[in-house]
């Protein structure tokens, strides 16, 4: 028997996540700097290690980055970012100290590896949503 699990909810956006999404609309990837100098992408309001607030001004990172881990998605569903098989990848953008989970468009699981360089592919029409970043592609 098929089972469908969803979490349909909306949340209000503050200056950190709102700023991150506004950056995506402008084809910019932004992170939050912690008191210790680490850059968190996606940005967080608080440093998960110290609990201290991150700096209020977001910093630009990327646009390229490195795959740190991945898994293959052979059967994407209608609500996933790509309509053909792709990799979910943990991508550490240049200048960031954490990884962003996003889709990586490659032809097969053999075409992706940890350490490979990737770049963002943007949607033509952006609206300030995570889907403005359509996916990453090999550099």
Foldseek 3Di string as FASTA:
>chain_A
DDDDDDDDDDDDDDQLLLVQLVCLQVVWGWFFAAPVGATDVVYDQADPVPRHGTDSDIDTFAQKWWFADKDKDQCDDPPALDRHIWIFTFTATHRHDGTDTWTEDDDDPVVDDGGFMKGFDADPHGDSDPCRRSTIYGD
